[in-house]
Amino acid sequence: MADSKDMMQKDMLPAMPTEFKHDLNAYLAATPGPHPKNLTELIAFNKRNSAVEMPKFGQELFEMADKADGDVYAPACRRHRSAATRQARQAIDGVLADHRLDAIVTPTGVPAPTVEALDPTPFESSTRNSAVAGYLHITVPAGYARDTLPLGVSFLGTRYSDANVLGYAYALERATPVRKAPAYLPTLPGRS
């Protein structure tokens, strides 16, 4: 599986900055009101207001995407996107077929870290393959770490399995009513 993940990442890395720049520029241009109208202006705004906008984070991904041309129709971008999508679909469809499953049920990811504890190192998430494949991925509340940080269970399916996967997620959510309304906490209980 590591080989397929590496292959998918090899194709996603060239496509993702291009798609991100294209889509963010379109969103900013279409959104009314006084704000940056494209990624370049957003990066400049963040730099001018770094004490407020980036006290704990940088904008390395924004800067990397801004170097891309943003042309999602370029043959190289389309080739990389197509290969990554195919590989992600094969990863999900392969697990479902090999184990004769209707859906994949998995922890969504590690417990959400506090802002102070954020590490720029990427963590494994169950969302990557379904997002790249264009397949349904639904997450329902599963509990809480330290009674505050949400934990989720994710349901993934193959193409055209949306109704079934939504039904499985709905059934778990109804059977385990653990959802709490979200709240902004300046710090975790017991920490100052």
N, C-alpha and C. Protein backbone atom coordinates (compact mmCIF):
# COMPACT_ATOMS: atom_id res chain seq x y z
N MET A 1 0.83 -1.20 0.00
CA MET A 1 0.00 0.00 0.00
C MET A 1 0.87 1.25 0.00
N ALA A 2 2.04 1.20 0.64
CA ALA A 2 2.92 2.36 0.67
C ALA A 2 3.35 2.74 -0.74
N ASP A 3 3.57 1.72 -1.60
CA ASP A 3 3.97 2.02 -2.96
C ASP A 3 2.88 2.76 -3.71
N SER A 4 1.61 2.34 -3.56
CA SER A 4 0.52 3.03 -4.26
C SER A 4 0.35 4.44 -3.70
N LYS A 5 0.55 4.62 -2.38
CA LYS A 5 0.45 5.96 -1.80
C LYS A 5 1.55 6.86 -2.36
N ASP A 6 2.77 6.32 -2.45
CA ASP A 6 3.88 7.10 -3.01
C ASP A 6 3.63 7.46 -4.46
N MET A 7 3.08 6.50 -5.23
CA MET A 7 2.79 6.77 -6.64
C MET A 7 1.72 7.84 -6.76
N MET A 8 0.67 7.74 -5.93
CA MET A 8 -0.39 8.74 -5.99
C MET A 8 0.17 10.11 -5.62
N GLN A 9 0.99 10.16 -4.57
CA GLN A 9 1.55 11.44 -4.14
C GLN A 9 2.43 12.03 -5.24
N LYS A 10 3.16 11.19 -5.96
CA LYS A 10 4.02 11.66 -7.04
C LYS A 10 3.19 12.38 -8.09
N ASP A 11 1.98 11.91 -8.33
CA ASP A 11 1.12 12.55 -9.31
C ASP A 11 0.32 13.71 -8.73
N MET A 12 -0.01 13.63 -7.44
CA MET A 12 -0.78 14.71 -6.83
C MET A 12 0.05 15.97 -6.62
N LEU A 13 1.32 15.80 -6.27
CA LEU A 13 2.14 16.97 -5.95
C LEU A 13 2.24 17.97 -7.10
N PRO A 14 2.38 17.55 -8.35
CA PRO A 14 2.36 18.55 -9.42
C PRO A 14 0.98 19.15 -9.68
N ALA A 15 -0.08 18.37 -9.48
CA ALA A 15 -1.43 18.84 -9.80
C ALA A 15 -2.02 19.71 -8.70
N MET A 16 -1.78 19.38 -7.45
CA MET A 16 -2.45 20.05 -6.34
C MET A 16 -2.18 21.56 -6.27
N PRO A 17 -0.95 22.03 -6.37
CA PRO A 17 -0.76 23.49 -6.31
C PRO A 17 -1.46 24.23 -7.45
N THR A 18 -1.46 23.61 -8.63
CA THR A 18 -2.13 24.22 -9.78
C THR A 18 -3.63 24.32 -9.54
N GLU A 19 -4.23 23.23 -9.06
CA GLU A 19 -5.67 23.22 -8.78
C GLU A 19 -6.02 24.18 -7.65
N PHE A 20 -5.19 24.20 -6.62
CA PHE A 20 -5.44 25.08 -5.48
C PHE A 20 -5.44 26.54 -5.93
N LYS A 21 -4.42 26.94 -6.69
CA LYS A 21 -4.33 28.33 -7.17
C LYS A 21 -5.54 28.66 -8.06
N HIS A 22 -5.85 27.79 -8.98
CA HIS A 22 -6.97 28.01 -9.88
C HIS A 22 -8.27 28.22 -9.11
N ASP A 23 -8.55 27.30 -8.20
CA ASP A 23 -9.84 27.33 -7.48
C ASP A 23 -9.90 28.47 -6.46
N LEU A 24 -8.81 28.73 -5.75
CA LEU A 24 -8.82 29.83 -4.78
C LEU A 24 -8.94 31.17 -5.49
N ASN A 25 -8.24 31.33 -6.61
CA ASN A 25 -8.37 32.59 -7.37
C ASN A 25 -9.81 32.78 -7.85
N ALA A 26 -10.44 31.72 -8.32
CA ALA A 26 -11.84 31.81 -8.78
C ALA A 26 -12.75 32.18 -7.62
N TYR A 27 -12.54 31.55 -6.47
CA TYR A 27 -13.37 31.84 -5.29
C TYR A 27 -13.19 33.28 -4.84
N LEU A 28 -11.96 33.73 -4.71
CA LEU A 28 -11.71 35.10 -4.24
C LEU A 28 -12.26 36.13 -5.23
N ALA A 29 -12.11 35.87 -6.52
CA ALA A 29 -12.59 36.81 -7.53
C ALA A 29 -14.12 36.93 -7.50
N ALA A 30 -14.80 35.84 -7.17
CA ALA A 30 -16.27 35.84 -7.19
C ALA A 30 -16.90 36.26 -5.87
N THR A 31 -16.11 36.36 -4.82
CA THR A 31 -16.65 36.68 -3.50
C THR A 31 -16.72 38.19 -3.32
N PRO A 32 -17.91 38.72 -3.04
CA PRO A 32 -18.03 40.18 -2.92
C PRO A 32 -17.37 40.69 -1.63
N GLY A 33 -17.11 41.97 -1.62
CA GLY A 33 -16.59 42.61 -0.43
C GLY A 33 -15.12 42.96 -0.57
N PRO A 34 -14.65 43.76 0.38
CA PRO A 34 -13.24 44.18 0.34
C PRO A 34 -12.32 43.10 0.92
N HIS A 35 -11.56 42.47 0.07
CA HIS A 35 -10.62 41.43 0.48
C HIS A 35 -9.67 41.17 -0.68
N PRO A 36 -8.59 40.43 -0.43
CA PRO A 36 -7.71 40.08 -1.55
C PRO A 36 -8.49 39.37 -2.65
N LYS A 37 -8.18 39.69 -3.89
CA LYS A 37 -8.93 39.13 -5.01
C LYS A 37 -8.25 37.94 -5.67
N ASN A 38 -7.04 37.57 -5.21
CA ASN A 38 -6.36 36.39 -5.73
C ASN A 38 -5.32 35.93 -4.72
N LEU A 39 -4.70 34.81 -5.00
CA LEU A 39 -3.74 34.21 -4.07
C LEU A 39 -2.55 35.12 -3.82
N THR A 40 -2.04 35.77 -4.84
CA THR A 40 -0.90 36.68 -4.67
C THR A 40 -1.25 37.80 -3.71
N GLU A 41 -2.43 38.39 -3.86
CA GLU A 41 -2.86 39.46 -2.95
C GLU A 41 -3.08 38.91 -1.54
N LEU A 42 -3.58 37.69 -1.42
CA LEU A 42 -3.80 37.09 -0.11
C LEU A 42 -2.48 36.87 0.62
N ILE A 43 -1.47 36.41 -0.09
CA ILE A 43 -0.15 36.21 0.52
C ILE A 43 0.40 37.55 1.00
N ALA A 44 0.28 38.59 0.18
CA ALA A 44 0.76 39.92 0.58
C ALA A 44 -0.01 40.43 1.79
N PHE A 45 -1.33 40.23 1.81
CA PHE A 45 -2.13 40.64 2.96
C PHE A 45 -1.67 39.93 4.23
N ASN A 46 -1.46 38.63 4.13
CA ASN A 46 -1.00 37.87 5.29
C ASN A 46 0.35 38.37 5.79
N LYS A 47 1.24 38.70 4.88
CA LYS A 47 2.56 39.21 5.29
C LYS A 47 2.42 40.56 6.00
N ARG A 48 1.59 41.44 5.45
CA ARG A 48 1.39 42.76 6.09
C ARG A 48 0.76 42.64 7.46
N ASN A 49 -0.04 41.62 7.65
CA ASN A 49 -0.78 41.43 8.90
C ASN A 49 -0.35 40.15 9.62
N SER A 50 0.91 39.81 9.52
CA SER A 50 1.37 38.50 10.01
C SER A 50 1.17 38.32 11.52
N ALA A 51 1.25 39.38 12.29
CA ALA A 51 1.07 39.24 13.74
C ALA A 51 -0.34 38.75 14.08
N VAL A 52 -1.31 39.14 13.26
CA VAL A 52 -2.70 38.74 13.50
C VAL A 52 -3.04 37.47 12.70
N GLU A 53 -2.65 37.43 11.43
CA GLU A 53 -3.06 36.35 10.54
C GLU A 53 -2.24 35.08 10.68
N MET A 54 -0.99 35.21 11.10
CA MET A 54 -0.12 34.03 11.13
C MET A 54 0.74 33.97 12.40
N PRO A 55 0.13 34.12 13.58
CA PRO A 55 0.97 34.07 14.78
C PRO A 55 1.56 32.68 15.04
N LYS A 56 0.92 31.64 14.53
CA LYS A 56 1.38 30.27 14.80
C LYS A 56 1.61 29.46 13.54
N PHE A 57 1.28 30.00 12.39
CA PHE A 57 1.38 29.26 11.14
C PHE A 57 2.08 30.10 10.09
N GLY A 58 2.70 29.43 9.14
CA GLY A 58 3.26 30.11 7.98
C GLY A 58 2.29 29.95 6.81
N GLN A 59 2.76 30.31 5.64
CA GLN A 59 1.92 30.16 4.45
C GLN A 59 2.71 29.53 3.32
N GLU A 60 3.51 28.54 3.69
CA GLU A 60 4.36 27.86 2.72
C GLU A 60 3.55 27.23 1.59
N LEU A 61 2.41 26.63 1.93
CA LEU A 61 1.58 26.00 0.89
C LEU A 61 1.00 27.05 -0.05
N PHE A 62 0.59 28.20 0.48
CA PHE A 62 0.10 29.28 -0.37
C PHE A 62 1.20 29.73 -1.33
N GLU A 63 2.40 29.92 -0.79
CA GLU A 63 3.51 30.40 -1.62
C GLU A 63 3.89 29.38 -2.69
N MET A 64 3.86 28.09 -2.34
CA MET A 64 4.15 27.05 -3.31
C MET A 64 3.08 27.07 -4.42
N ALA A 65 1.81 27.18 -4.04
CA ALA A 65 0.74 27.20 -5.03
C ALA A 65 0.81 28.44 -5.91
N ASP A 66 1.23 29.57 -5.33
CA ASP A 66 1.29 30.80 -6.11
C ASP A 66 2.33 30.72 -7.23
N LYS A 67 3.32 29.85 -7.08
CA LYS A 67 4.33 29.67 -8.13
C LYS A 67 3.80 28.85 -9.29
N ALA A 68 2.71 28.11 -9.08
CA ALA A 68 2.11 27.31 -10.15
C ALA A 68 1.41 28.25 -11.13
N ASP A 69 1.19 27.77 -12.34
CA ASP A 69 0.54 28.63 -13.34
C ASP A 69 -0.98 28.68 -13.19
N GLY A 70 -1.57 27.74 -12.46
CA GLY A 70 -3.01 27.75 -12.25
C GLY A 70 -3.81 27.23 -13.42
N ASP A 71 -3.14 26.67 -14.43
CA ASP A 71 -3.84 26.18 -15.62
C ASP A 71 -4.22 24.71 -15.44
N VAL A 72 -5.44 24.48 -14.96
CA VAL A 72 -5.89 23.10 -14.72
C VAL A 72 -6.17 22.35 -16.01
N TYR A 73 -6.17 23.04 -17.13
CA TYR A 73 -6.41 22.40 -18.42
C TYR A 73 -5.12 22.05 -19.15
N ALA A 74 -3.98 22.42 -18.59
CA ALA A 74 -2.70 22.09 -19.21
C ALA A 74 -2.55 20.57 -19.26
N PRO A 75 -2.00 20.04 -20.34
CA PRO A 75 -1.87 18.58 -20.47
C PRO A 75 -1.13 17.93 -19.30
N ALA A 76 -0.08 18.53 -18.80
CA ALA A 76 0.67 17.93 -17.69
C ALA A 76 -0.18 17.85 -16.43
N CYS A 77 -0.93 18.90 -16.12
CA CYS A 77 -1.79 18.89 -14.94
C CYS A 77 -2.88 17.83 -15.08
N ARG A 78 -3.49 17.76 -16.24
CA ARG A 78 -4.56 16.78 -16.47
C ARG A 78 -4.03 15.35 -16.39
N ARG A 79 -2.81 15.14 -16.90
CA ARG A 79 -2.21 13.80 -16.86
C ARG A 79 -1.94 13.38 -15.42
N HIS A 80 -1.37 14.30 -14.62
CA HIS A 80 -1.09 13.99 -13.22
C HIS A 80 -2.39 13.76 -12.43
N ARG A 81 -3.39 14.61 -12.66
CA ARG A 81 -4.67 14.47 -11.95
C ARG A 81 -5.32 13.14 -12.30
N SER A 82 -5.31 12.79 -13.58
CA SER A 82 -5.94 11.54 -14.02
C SER A 82 -5.24 10.33 -13.39
N ALA A 83 -3.92 10.35 -13.36
CA ALA A 83 -3.17 9.23 -12.78
C ALA A 83 -3.44 9.13 -11.28
N ALA A 84 -3.44 10.25 -10.57
CA ALA A 84 -3.68 10.23 -9.13
C ALA A 84 -5.10 9.75 -8.82
N THR A 85 -6.08 10.20 -9.60
CA THR A 85 -7.46 9.77 -9.40
C THR A 85 -7.60 8.27 -9.62
N ARG A 86 -7.00 7.77 -10.68
CA ARG A 86 -7.05 6.33 -10.97
C ARG A 86 -6.42 5.53 -9.83
N GLN A 87 -5.27 5.96 -9.33
CA GLN A 87 -4.58 5.24 -8.26
C GLN A 87 -5.40 5.27 -6.96
N ALA A 88 -6.00 6.39 -6.64
CA ALA A 88 -6.81 6.49 -5.43
C ALA A 88 -8.04 5.58 -5.53
N ARG A 89 -8.66 5.56 -6.69
CA ARG A 89 -9.82 4.69 -6.88
C ARG A 89 -9.43 3.22 -6.78
N GLN A 90 -8.29 2.86 -7.36
CA GLN A 90 -7.83 1.48 -7.28
C GLN A 90 -7.54 1.08 -5.83
N ALA A 91 -7.01 1.99 -5.03
CA ALA A 91 -6.71 1.69 -3.62
C ALA A 91 -8.00 1.37 -2.86
N ILE A 92 -9.02 2.19 -3.03
CA ILE A 92 -10.29 1.96 -2.34
C ILE A 92 -11.02 0.75 -2.91
N ASP A 93 -11.16 0.71 -4.22
CA ASP A 93 -11.89 -0.39 -4.86
C ASP A 93 -11.21 -1.73 -4.60
N GLY A 94 -9.88 -1.71 -4.54
CA GLY A 94 -9.14 -2.94 -4.28
C GLY A 94 -9.44 -3.51 -2.90
N VAL A 95 -9.45 -2.65 -1.88
CA VAL A 95 -9.75 -3.10 -0.52
C VAL A 95 -11.19 -3.63 -0.45
N LEU A 96 -12.11 -2.90 -1.05
CA LEU A 96 -13.51 -3.34 -1.03
C LEU A 96 -13.68 -4.69 -1.71
N ALA A 97 -13.06 -4.86 -2.87
CA ALA A 97 -13.20 -6.11 -3.62
C ALA A 97 -12.46 -7.26 -2.93
N ASP A 98 -11.22 -7.01 -2.50
CA ASP A 98 -10.42 -8.08 -1.89
C ASP A 98 -11.07 -8.65 -0.62
N HIS A 99 -11.76 -7.80 0.11
CA HIS A 99 -12.36 -8.23 1.37
C HIS A 99 -13.89 -8.35 1.31
N ARG A 100 -14.43 -8.19 0.09
CA ARG A 100 -15.87 -8.28 -0.14
C ARG A 100 -16.65 -7.39 0.83
N LEU A 101 -16.28 -6.12 0.85
CA LEU A 101 -16.89 -5.13 1.74
C LEU A 101 -17.86 -4.24 0.99
N ASP A 102 -18.86 -3.73 1.72
CA ASP A 102 -19.77 -2.73 1.16
C ASP A 102 -19.24 -1.32 1.40
N ALA A 103 -18.43 -1.17 2.44
CA ALA A 103 -17.86 0.13 2.78
C ALA A 103 -16.64 -0.09 3.66
N ILE A 104 -15.82 0.94 3.76
CA ILE A 104 -14.67 0.94 4.66
C ILE A 104 -15.03 1.83 5.84
N VAL A 105 -14.83 1.31 7.05
CA VAL A 105 -15.08 2.08 8.27
C VAL A 105 -13.74 2.22 8.96
N THR A 106 -13.36 3.45 9.28
CA THR A 106 -12.02 3.69 9.82
C THR A 106 -12.02 4.93 10.71
N PRO A 107 -11.11 4.99 11.67
CA PRO A 107 -10.99 6.26 12.40
C PRO A 107 -10.66 7.38 11.39
N THR A 108 -11.22 8.53 11.61
CA THR A 108 -11.00 9.65 10.69
C THR A 108 -9.56 10.12 10.72
N GLY A 109 -8.98 10.15 11.88
CA GLY A 109 -7.60 10.58 12.04
C GLY A 109 -7.26 10.57 13.51
N VAL A 110 -6.13 11.13 13.82
CA VAL A 110 -5.73 11.23 15.22
C VAL A 110 -6.58 12.30 15.89
N PRO A 111 -6.66 12.31 17.23
CA PRO A 111 -7.42 13.38 17.89
C PRO A 111 -6.88 14.75 17.46
N ALA A 112 -7.78 15.69 17.35
CA ALA A 112 -7.38 17.04 16.96
C ALA A 112 -6.37 17.58 17.97
N PRO A 113 -5.25 18.12 17.50
CA PRO A 113 -4.29 18.68 18.44
C PRO A 113 -4.70 20.08 18.86
N THR A 114 -4.17 20.52 19.98
CA THR A 114 -4.37 21.92 20.35
C THR A 114 -3.51 22.76 19.42
N VAL A 115 -3.83 24.03 19.26
CA VAL A 115 -3.08 24.89 18.36
C VAL A 115 -1.61 24.94 18.77
N GLU A 116 -1.36 25.00 20.07
CA GLU A 116 0.02 25.08 20.53
C GLU A 116 0.81 23.83 20.18
N ALA A 117 0.12 22.71 20.06
CA ALA A 117 0.79 21.44 19.81
C ALA A 117 0.91 21.11 18.34
N LEU A 118 0.41 21.98 17.48
CA LEU A 118 0.43 21.64 16.06
C LEU A 118 1.86 21.46 15.57
N ASP A 119 2.02 20.40 14.84
CA ASP A 119 3.31 20.07 14.26
C ASP A 119 3.12 20.16 12.75
N PRO A 120 4.00 20.84 12.03
CA PRO A 120 3.81 20.96 10.58
C PRO A 120 3.96 19.64 9.84
N THR A 121 4.43 18.59 10.51
CA THR A 121 4.56 17.29 9.87
C THR A 121 3.19 16.75 9.55
N PRO A 122 2.92 16.36 8.29
CA PRO A 122 1.60 15.84 7.95
C PRO A 122 1.30 14.56 8.71
N PHE A 123 0.05 14.38 9.08
CA PHE A 123 -0.36 13.15 9.75
C PHE A 123 -1.25 12.36 8.80
N GLU A 124 -1.31 11.07 9.04
CA GLU A 124 -2.13 10.21 8.20
C GLU A 124 -3.60 10.50 8.45
N SER A 125 -4.34 10.52 7.40
CA SER A 125 -5.76 10.79 7.49
C SER A 125 -6.49 9.83 6.56
N SER A 126 -7.70 9.51 6.91
CA SER A 126 -8.49 8.61 6.06
C SER A 126 -9.15 9.36 4.90
N THR A 127 -8.95 10.66 4.81
CA THR A 127 -9.63 11.44 3.79
C THR A 127 -8.91 11.48 2.45
N ARG A 128 -7.62 11.24 2.42
CA ARG A 128 -6.83 11.46 1.20
C ARG A 128 -7.35 10.68 0.00
N ASN A 129 -7.43 9.35 0.11
CA ASN A 129 -7.82 8.56 -1.06
C ASN A 129 -9.21 8.91 -1.56
N SER A 130 -10.17 9.06 -0.65
CA SER A 130 -11.52 9.37 -1.11
C SER A 130 -11.59 10.75 -1.76
N ALA A 131 -10.85 11.71 -1.23
CA ALA A 131 -10.85 13.05 -1.83
C ALA A 131 -10.24 13.03 -3.23
N VAL A 132 -9.13 12.34 -3.37
CA VAL A 132 -8.47 12.27 -4.68
C VAL A 132 -9.31 11.46 -5.66
N ALA A 133 -9.95 10.40 -5.17
CA ALA A 133 -10.77 9.54 -6.04
C ALA A 133 -12.08 10.21 -6.45
N GLY A 134 -12.54 11.18 -5.66
CA GLY A 134 -13.84 11.77 -5.92
C GLY A 134 -14.96 10.91 -5.38
N TYR A 135 -14.65 10.06 -4.40
CA TYR A 135 -15.63 9.17 -3.78
C TYR A 135 -16.17 9.79 -2.49
N LEU A 136 -17.34 9.34 -2.12
CA LEU A 136 -17.97 9.79 -0.88
C LEU A 136 -17.11 9.42 0.32
N HIS A 137 -17.00 10.36 1.24
CA HIS A 137 -16.36 10.13 2.54
C HIS A 137 -17.21 10.89 3.54
N ILE A 138 -17.77 10.17 4.49
CA ILE A 138 -18.60 10.84 5.49
C ILE A 138 -18.05 10.50 6.87
N THR A 139 -18.01 11.51 7.72
CA THR A 139 -17.50 11.35 9.07
C THR A 139 -18.60 11.66 10.06
N VAL A 140 -18.72 10.81 11.08
CA VAL A 140 -19.69 11.05 12.14
C VAL A 140 -18.94 11.09 13.47
N PRO A 141 -19.47 11.82 14.45
CA PRO A 141 -18.82 11.88 15.76
C PRO A 141 -18.75 10.50 16.40
N ALA A 142 -17.60 10.24 17.02
CA ALA A 142 -17.42 8.93 17.66
C ALA A 142 -17.09 9.06 19.13
N GLY A 143 -16.75 10.24 19.58
CA GLY A 143 -16.38 10.44 20.96
C GLY A 143 -15.44 11.62 21.09
N TYR A 144 -14.79 11.71 22.25
CA TYR A 144 -13.93 12.86 22.52
C TYR A 144 -12.69 12.41 23.28
N ALA A 145 -11.57 12.96 22.93
CA ALA A 145 -10.35 12.78 23.70
C ALA A 145 -10.31 13.89 24.74
N ARG A 146 -10.02 13.54 25.95
CA ARG A 146 -9.98 14.50 27.06
C ARG A 146 -11.30 15.26 27.19
N ASP A 147 -12.40 14.61 26.85
CA ASP A 147 -13.75 15.16 26.93
C ASP A 147 -13.97 16.41 26.09
N THR A 148 -13.03 16.78 25.24
CA THR A 148 -13.14 18.03 24.49
C THR A 148 -12.79 17.89 23.02
N LEU A 149 -11.71 17.18 22.71
CA LEU A 149 -11.22 17.10 21.33
C LEU A 149 -11.99 16.01 20.58
N PRO A 150 -12.66 16.37 19.50
CA PRO A 150 -13.53 15.41 18.81
C PRO A 150 -12.77 14.30 18.11
N LEU A 151 -13.37 13.13 18.14
CA LEU A 151 -12.89 11.96 17.39
C LEU A 151 -13.98 11.57 16.42
N GLY A 152 -13.60 11.12 15.24
CA GLY A 152 -14.59 10.74 14.25
C GLY A 152 -14.37 9.35 13.71
N VAL A 153 -15.43 8.79 13.18
CA VAL A 153 -15.39 7.54 12.44
C VAL A 153 -15.80 7.89 11.02
N SER A 154 -15.01 7.42 10.06
CA SER A 154 -15.28 7.72 8.66
C SER A 154 -15.77 6.50 7.92
N PHE A 155 -16.66 6.75 6.97
CA PHE A 155 -17.20 5.73 6.10
C PHE A 155 -16.82 6.10 4.67
N LEU A 156 -16.21 5.17 3.96
CA LEU A 156 -15.80 5.38 2.58
C LEU A 156 -16.44 4.31 1.72
N GLY A 157 -16.78 4.68 0.52
CA GLY A 157 -17.35 3.71 -0.40
C GLY A 157 -16.80 3.92 -1.78
N THR A 158 -17.28 3.13 -2.70
CA THR A 158 -16.86 3.23 -4.09
C THR A 158 -17.82 4.13 -4.86
N ARG A 159 -17.59 4.25 -6.12
CA ARG A 159 -18.43 5.07 -6.98
C ARG A 159 -19.87 4.57 -6.95
N TYR A 160 -20.79 5.49 -6.86
CA TYR A 160 -22.23 5.22 -6.87
C TYR A 160 -22.74 4.46 -5.65
N SER A 161 -21.97 4.46 -4.56
CA SER A 161 -22.43 3.78 -3.35
C SER A 161 -22.89 4.78 -2.29
N ASP A 162 -23.11 6.02 -2.69
CA ASP A 162 -23.41 7.09 -1.74
C ASP A 162 -24.60 6.78 -0.83
N ALA A 163 -25.69 6.29 -1.40
CA ALA A 163 -26.89 6.04 -0.59
C ALA A 163 -26.61 5.00 0.49
N ASN A 164 -25.92 3.95 0.15
CA ASN A 164 -25.60 2.92 1.14
C ASN A 164 -24.66 3.45 2.22
N VAL A 165 -23.61 4.14 1.81
CA VAL A 165 -22.63 4.65 2.77
C VAL A 165 -23.28 5.68 3.70
N LEU A 166 -24.10 6.56 3.16
CA LEU A 166 -24.82 7.51 4.01
C LEU A 166 -25.72 6.78 5.00
N GLY A 167 -26.34 5.70 4.58
CA GLY A 167 -27.19 4.91 5.47
C GLY A 167 -26.40 4.30 6.61
N TYR A 168 -25.21 3.77 6.33
CA TYR A 168 -24.37 3.19 7.38
C TYR A 168 -23.97 4.27 8.39
N ALA A 169 -23.55 5.42 7.88
CA ALA A 169 -23.12 6.51 8.77
C ALA A 169 -24.30 7.01 9.61
N TYR A 170 -25.44 7.14 8.99
CA TYR A 170 -26.63 7.58 9.71
C TYR A 170 -26.99 6.60 10.82
N ALA A 171 -26.91 5.32 10.51
CA ALA A 171 -27.24 4.30 11.52
C ALA A 171 -26.30 4.39 12.72
N LEU A 172 -25.01 4.58 12.48
CA LEU A 172 -24.07 4.71 13.60
C LEU A 172 -24.35 5.98 14.39
N GLU A 173 -24.59 7.06 13.70
CA GLU A 173 -24.85 8.32 14.40
C GLU A 173 -26.10 8.23 15.27
N ARG A 174 -27.12 7.55 14.79
CA ARG A 174 -28.35 7.39 15.58
C ARG A 174 -28.12 6.45 16.77
N ALA A 175 -27.31 5.43 16.58
CA ALA A 175 -27.07 4.45 17.65
C ALA A 175 -26.12 4.96 18.72
N THR A 176 -25.29 5.93 18.37
CA THR A 176 -24.30 6.46 19.33
C THR A 176 -24.38 7.97 19.36
N PRO A 177 -25.36 8.53 20.05
CA PRO A 177 -25.55 9.99 20.04
C PRO A 177 -24.51 10.70 20.92
N VAL A 178 -23.29 10.84 20.38
CA VAL A 178 -22.21 11.46 21.15
C VAL A 178 -21.93 12.90 20.73
N ARG A 179 -22.60 13.36 19.70
CA ARG A 179 -22.30 14.71 19.18
C ARG A 179 -22.58 15.78 20.21
N LYS A 180 -21.62 16.71 20.32
CA LYS A 180 -21.79 17.92 21.14
C LYS A 180 -21.68 19.11 20.20
N ALA A 181 -22.38 20.17 20.53
CA ALA A 181 -22.25 21.39 19.73
C ALA A 181 -20.81 21.89 19.86
N PRO A 182 -20.20 22.32 18.76
CA PRO A 182 -18.83 22.82 18.83
C PRO A 182 -18.74 24.09 19.67
N ALA A 183 -17.60 24.27 20.28
CA ALA A 183 -17.37 25.45 21.11
C ALA A 183 -15.93 25.91 20.92
N TYR A 184 -15.72 27.19 21.03
CA TYR A 184 -14.37 27.72 21.00
C TYR A 184 -13.86 27.78 22.43
N LEU A 185 -12.77 27.09 22.69
CA LEU A 185 -12.16 27.11 24.01
C LEU A 185 -10.78 27.73 23.89
N PRO A 186 -10.49 28.74 24.69
CA PRO A 186 -9.15 29.34 24.62
C PRO A 186 -8.05 28.33 24.98
N THR A 187 -8.39 27.36 25.79
CA THR A 187 -7.47 26.29 26.13
C THR A 187 -8.29 25.10 26.61
N LEU A 188 -7.66 23.95 26.71
CA LEU A 188 -8.36 22.77 27.18
C LEU A 188 -8.65 22.88 28.67
N PRO A 189 -9.73 22.29 29.13
CA PRO A 189 -9.99 22.29 30.57
C PRO A 189 -8.79 21.70 31.33
N GLY A 190 -8.46 22.34 32.43
CA GLY A 190 -7.33 21.87 33.22
C GLY A 190 -6.00 22.45 32.80
N ARG A 191 -5.98 23.22 31.70
CA ARG A 191 -4.74 23.88 31.24
C ARG A 191 -4.93 25.38 31.38
N SER A 192 -3.87 26.05 31.61
CA SER A 192 -4.01 27.52 31.70
C SER A 192 -3.15 28.20 30.67
